[in-house]
Amino acid sequence: MPKAARISVSLPVSSQKKSEGHQLVSIALFSGIGLLVSLIAILCGVPGVWF
């Protein structure tokens, strides 16, 4: 008689909170880098639509 193995995968609830935090860190880094590049461009006098 064949026997079947039951495999259950349980995902912890805290993984969802970690992924939300990871997304927030990614957005903050992207925004910070963009602001830094814009500030350097303004200080160096790069012509653009700054004002």
PDB file of N, CA and C in Angstrom:
ATOM      1  N   MET A   1       0.850  -1.175   0.000  1.00  0.00           N
ATOM      2  CA  MET A   1       0.000   0.000   0.000  1.00  0.00           C
ATOM      3  C   MET A   1       0.900   1.244   0.000  1.00  0.00           C
ATOM      4  N   PRO A   2       0.708   2.136  -0.961  1.00  0.00           N
ATOM      5  CA  PRO A   2       1.549   3.335  -1.010  1.00  0.00           C
ATOM      6  C   PRO A   2       1.214   4.305   0.124  1.00  0.00           C
ATOM      7  N   LYS A   3       2.249   4.943   0.598  1.00  0.00           N
ATOM      8  CA  LYS A   3       2.071   5.929   1.658  1.00  0.00           C
ATOM      9  C   LYS A   3       2.402   7.312   1.107  1.00  0.00           C
ATOM     10  N   ALA A   4       1.624   8.289   1.478  1.00  0.00           N
ATOM     11  CA  ALA A   4       1.828   9.659   1.013  1.00  0.00           C
ATOM     12  C   ALA A   4       2.427  10.485   2.149  1.00  0.00           C
ATOM     13  N   ALA A   5       3.318  11.329   1.779  1.00  0.00           N
ATOM     14  CA  ALA A   5       3.916  12.224   2.775  1.00  0.00           C
ATOM     15  C   ALA A   5       3.216  13.569   2.701  1.00  0.00           C
ATOM     16  N   ARG A   6       2.866  14.074   3.840  1.00  0.00           N
ATOM     17  CA  ARG A   6       2.215  15.379   3.884  1.00  0.00           C
ATOM     18  C   ARG A   6       3.262  16.430   4.241  1.00  0.00           C
ATOM     19  N   ILE A   7       3.442  17.378   3.352  1.00  0.00           N
ATOM     20  CA  ILE A   7       4.423  18.446   3.567  1.00  0.00           C
ATOM     21  C   ILE A   7       3.664  19.756   3.672  1.00  0.00           C
ATOM     22  N   SER A   8       3.836  20.413   4.773  1.00  0.00           N
ATOM     23  CA  SER A   8       3.173  21.712   4.939  1.00  0.00           C
ATOM     24  C   SER A   8       4.236  22.786   5.142  1.00  0.00           C
ATOM     25  N   VAL A   9       4.047  23.878   4.448  1.00  0.00           N
ATOM     26  CA  VAL A   9       4.971  25.005   4.550  1.00  0.00           C
ATOM     27  C   VAL A   9       4.262  26.118   5.280  1.00  0.00           C
ATOM     28  N   SER A  10       4.839  26.560   6.368  1.00  0.00           N
ATOM     29  CA  SER A  10       4.244  27.661   7.105  1.00  0.00           C
ATOM     30  C   SER A  10       5.161  28.879   7.004  1.00  0.00           C
ATOM     31  N   LEU A  11       4.595  29.980   6.568  1.00  0.00           N
ATOM     32  CA  LEU A  11       5.360  31.212   6.451  1.00  0.00           C
ATOM     33  C   LEU A  11       5.090  32.069   7.673  1.00  0.00           C
ATOM     34  N   PRO A  12       6.119  32.557   8.297  1.00  0.00           N
ATOM     35  CA  PRO A  12       5.892  33.410   9.461  1.00  0.00           C
ATOM     36  C   PRO A  12       5.252  34.730   9.057  1.00  0.00           C
ATOM     37  N   VAL A  13       4.425  35.262   9.929  1.00  0.00           N
ATOM     38  CA  VAL A  13       3.716  36.511   9.657  1.00  0.00           C
ATOM     39  C   VAL A  13       4.682  37.684   9.633  1.00  0.00           C
ATOM     40  N   SER A  14       5.775  37.583  10.360  1.00  0.00           N
ATOM     41  CA  SER A  14       6.714  38.698  10.443  1.00  0.00           C
ATOM     42  C   SER A  14       7.444  38.945   9.128  1.00  0.00           C
ATOM     43  N   SER A  15       7.444  37.987   8.201  1.00  0.00           N
ATOM     44  CA  SER A  15       8.127  38.190   6.920  1.00  0.00           C
ATOM     45  C   SER A  15       7.466  39.303   6.128  1.00  0.00           C
ATOM     46  N   GLN A  16       6.156  39.473   6.289  1.00  0.00           N
ATOM     47  CA  GLN A  16       5.468  40.550   5.584  1.00  0.00           C
ATOM     48  C   GLN A  16       5.931  41.908   6.110  1.00  0.00           C
ATOM     49  N   LYS A  17       6.127  42.021   7.405  1.00  0.00           N
ATOM     50  CA  LYS A  17       6.599  43.278   7.978  1.00  0.00           C
ATOM     51  C   LYS A  17       8.024  43.568   7.534  1.00  0.00           C
ATOM     52  N   LYS A  18       8.846  42.529   7.414  1.00  0.00           N
ATOM     53  CA  LYS A  18      10.219  42.723   6.965  1.00  0.00           C
ATOM     54  C   LYS A  18      10.251  43.198   5.530  1.00  0.00           C
ATOM     55  N   SER A  19       9.378  42.661   4.668  1.00  0.00           N
ATOM     56  CA  SER A  19       9.369  43.070   3.268  1.00  0.00           C
ATOM     57  C   SER A  19       8.897  44.509   3.136  1.00  0.00           C
ATOM     58  N   GLU A  20       7.940  44.926   3.977  1.00  0.00           N
ATOM     59  CA  GLU A  20       7.486  46.315   3.945  1.00  0.00           C
ATOM     60  C   GLU A  20       8.610  47.240   4.375  1.00  0.00           C
ATOM     61  N   GLY A  21       9.370  46.855   5.374  1.00  0.00           N
ATOM     62  CA  GLY A  21      10.506  47.653   5.816  1.00  0.00           C
ATOM     63  C   GLY A  21      11.578  47.724   4.751  1.00  0.00           C
ATOM     64  N   HIS A  22      11.786  46.620   4.040  1.00  0.00           N
ATOM     65  CA  HIS A  22      12.781  46.589   2.970  1.00  0.00           C
ATOM     66  C   HIS A  22      12.381  47.535   1.844  1.00  0.00           C
ATOM     67  N   GLN A  23      11.096  47.583   1.512  1.00  0.00           N
ATOM     68  CA  GLN A  23      10.623  48.496   0.476  1.00  0.00           C
ATOM     69  C   GLN A  23      10.831  49.940   0.907  1.00  0.00           C
ATOM     70  N   LEU A  24      10.590  50.230   2.160  1.00  0.00           N
ATOM     71  CA  LEU A  24      10.766  51.595   2.654  1.00  0.00           C
ATOM     72  C   LEU A  24      12.227  52.004   2.589  1.00  0.00           C
ATOM     73  N   VAL A  25      13.133  51.117   2.921  1.00  0.00           N
ATOM     74  CA  VAL A  25      14.566  51.408   2.840  1.00  0.00           C
ATOM     75  C   VAL A  25      14.974  51.659   1.396  1.00  0.00           C
ATOM     76  N   SER A  26      14.459  50.872   0.470  1.00  0.00           N
ATOM     77  CA  SER A  26      14.781  51.045  -0.947  1.00  0.00           C
ATOM     78  C   SER A  26      14.307  52.403  -1.455  1.00  0.00           C
ATOM     79  N   ILE A  27      13.110  52.789  -1.080  1.00  0.00           N
ATOM     80  CA  ILE A  27      12.568  54.078  -1.508  1.00  0.00           C
ATOM     81  C   ILE A  27      13.363  55.221  -0.894  1.00  0.00           C
ATOM     82  N   ALA A  28      13.735  55.090   0.371  1.00  0.00           N
ATOM     83  CA  ALA A  28      14.503  56.145   1.039  1.00  0.00           C
ATOM     84  C   ALA A  28      15.883  56.301   0.397  1.00  0.00           C
ATOM     85  N   LEU A  29      16.546  55.203   0.074  1.00  0.00           N
ATOM     86  CA  LEU A  29      17.855  55.284  -0.584  1.00  0.00           C
ATOM     87  C   LEU A  29      17.738  55.908  -1.971  1.00  0.00           C
ATOM     88  N   PHE A  30      16.744  55.500  -2.732  1.00  0.00           N
ATOM     89  CA  PHE A  30      16.544  56.050  -4.074  1.00  0.00           C
ATOM     90  C   PHE A  30      16.284  57.553  -4.010  1.00  0.00           C
ATOM     91  N   SER A  31      15.437  57.979  -3.074  1.00  0.00           N
ATOM     92  CA  SER A  31      15.128  59.400  -2.938  1.00  0.00           C
ATOM     93  C   SER A  31      16.352  60.186  -2.475  1.00  0.00           C
ATOM     94  N   GLY A  32      17.106  59.632  -1.535  1.00  0.00           N
ATOM     95  CA  GLY A  32      18.301  60.308  -1.033  1.00  0.00           C
ATOM     96  C   GLY A  32      19.354  60.488  -2.112  1.00  0.00           C
ATOM     97  N   ILE A  33      19.543  59.460  -2.931  1.00  0.00           N
ATOM     98  CA  ILE A  33      20.523  59.567  -4.017  1.00  0.00           C
ATOM     99  C   ILE A  33      20.064  60.610  -5.031  1.00  0.00           C
ATOM    100  N   GLY A  34      18.779  60.634  -5.344  1.00  0.00           N
ATOM    101  CA  GLY A  34      18.246  61.630  -6.277  1.00  0.00           C
ATOM    102  C   GLY A  34      18.421  63.048  -5.754  1.00  0.00           C
ATOM    103  N   LEU A  35      18.163  63.260  -4.488  1.00  0.00           N
ATOM    104  CA  LEU A  35      18.341  64.587  -3.896  1.00  0.00           C
ATOM    105  C   LEU A  35      19.802  65.002  -3.890  1.00  0.00           C
ATOM    106  N   LEU A  36      20.695  64.068  -3.611  1.00  0.00           N
ATOM    107  CA  LEU A  36      22.125  64.363  -3.607  1.00  0.00           C
ATOM    108  C   LEU A  36      22.607  64.748  -5.009  1.00  0.00           C
ATOM    109  N   VAL A  37      22.171  64.026  -6.013  1.00  0.00           N
ATOM    110  CA  VAL A  37      22.562  64.343  -7.392  1.00  0.00           C
ATOM    111  C   VAL A  37      22.016  65.708  -7.793  1.00  0.00           C
ATOM    112  N   SER A  38      20.786  65.999  -7.422  1.00  0.00           N
ATOM    113  CA  SER A  38      20.200  67.299  -7.743  1.00  0.00           C
ATOM    114  C   SER A  38      20.950  68.429  -7.052  1.00  0.00           C
ATOM    115  N   LEU A  39      21.317  68.246  -5.799  1.00  0.00           N
ATOM    116  CA  LEU A  39      22.053  69.270  -5.062  1.00  0.00           C
ATOM    117  C   LEU A  39      23.420  69.519  -5.680  1.00  0.00           C
ATOM    118  N   ILE A  40      24.106  68.464  -6.053  1.00  0.00           N
ATOM    119  CA  ILE A  40      25.425  68.615  -6.692  1.00  0.00           C
ATOM    120  C   ILE A  40      25.281  69.335  -8.029  1.00  0.00           C
ATOM    121  N   ALA A  41      24.248  69.002  -8.798  1.00  0.00           N
ATOM    122  CA  ALA A  41      24.032  69.660 -10.090  1.00  0.00           C
ATOM    123  C   ALA A  41      23.747  71.144  -9.904  1.00  0.00           C
ATOM    124  N   ILE A  42      22.965  71.484  -8.899  1.00  0.00           N
ATOM    125  CA  ILE A  42      22.662  72.903  -8.642  1.00  0.00           C
ATOM    126  C   ILE A  42      23.921  73.641  -8.206  1.00  0.00           C
ATOM    127  N   LEU A  43      24.700  73.050  -7.317  1.00  0.00           N
ATOM    128  CA  LEU A  43      25.907  73.716  -6.815  1.00  0.00           C
ATOM    129  C   LEU A  43      26.973  73.852  -7.898  1.00  0.00           C
ATOM    130  N   CYS A  44      27.033  72.934  -8.837  1.00  0.00           N
ATOM    131  CA  CYS A  44      28.025  72.999  -9.910  1.00  0.00           C
ATOM    132  C   CYS A  44      27.570  73.904 -11.054  1.00  0.00           C
ATOM    133  N   GLY A  45      26.356  74.370 -11.014  1.00  0.00           N
ATOM    134  CA  GLY A  45      25.872  75.290 -12.028  1.00  0.00           C
ATOM    135  C   GLY A  45      25.432  74.621 -13.306  1.00  0.00           C
ATOM    136  N   VAL A  46      24.974  73.387 -13.224  1.00  0.00           N
ATOM    137  CA  VAL A  46      24.491  72.696 -14.418  1.00  0.00           C
ATOM    138  C   VAL A  46      23.192  73.361 -14.853  1.00  0.00           C
ATOM    139  N   PRO A  47      23.117  73.796 -16.135  1.00  0.00           N
ATOM    140  CA  PRO A  47      21.878  74.441 -16.577  1.00  0.00           C
ATOM    141  C   PRO A  47      20.725  73.437 -16.620  1.00  0.00           C
ATOM    142  N   GLY A  48      19.597  73.862 -16.154  1.00  0.00           N
ATOM    143  CA  GLY A  48      18.434  72.991 -16.122  1.00  0.00           C
ATOM    144  C   GLY A  48      17.229  73.760 -15.637  1.00  0.00           C
ATOM    145  N   VAL A  49      16.171  73.086 -15.414  1.00  0.00           N
ATOM    146  CA  VAL A  49      14.937  73.727 -14.938  1.00  0.00           C
ATOM    147  C   VAL A  49      14.919  73.642 -13.414  1.00  0.00           C
ATOM    148  N   TRP A  50      15.765  74.407 -12.766  1.00  0.00           N
ATOM    149  CA  TRP A  50      15.878  74.354 -11.312  1.00  0.00           C
ATOM    150  C   TRP A  50      15.037  75.415 -10.638  1.00  0.00           C
ATOM    151  N   PHE A  51      14.733  76.489 -11.349  1.00  0.00           N
ATOM    152  CA  PHE A  51      14.012  77.592 -10.705  1.00  0.00           C
ATOM    153  C   PHE A  51      12.686  77.827 -11.386  1.00  0.00           C
TER     154      PHE A  51
END
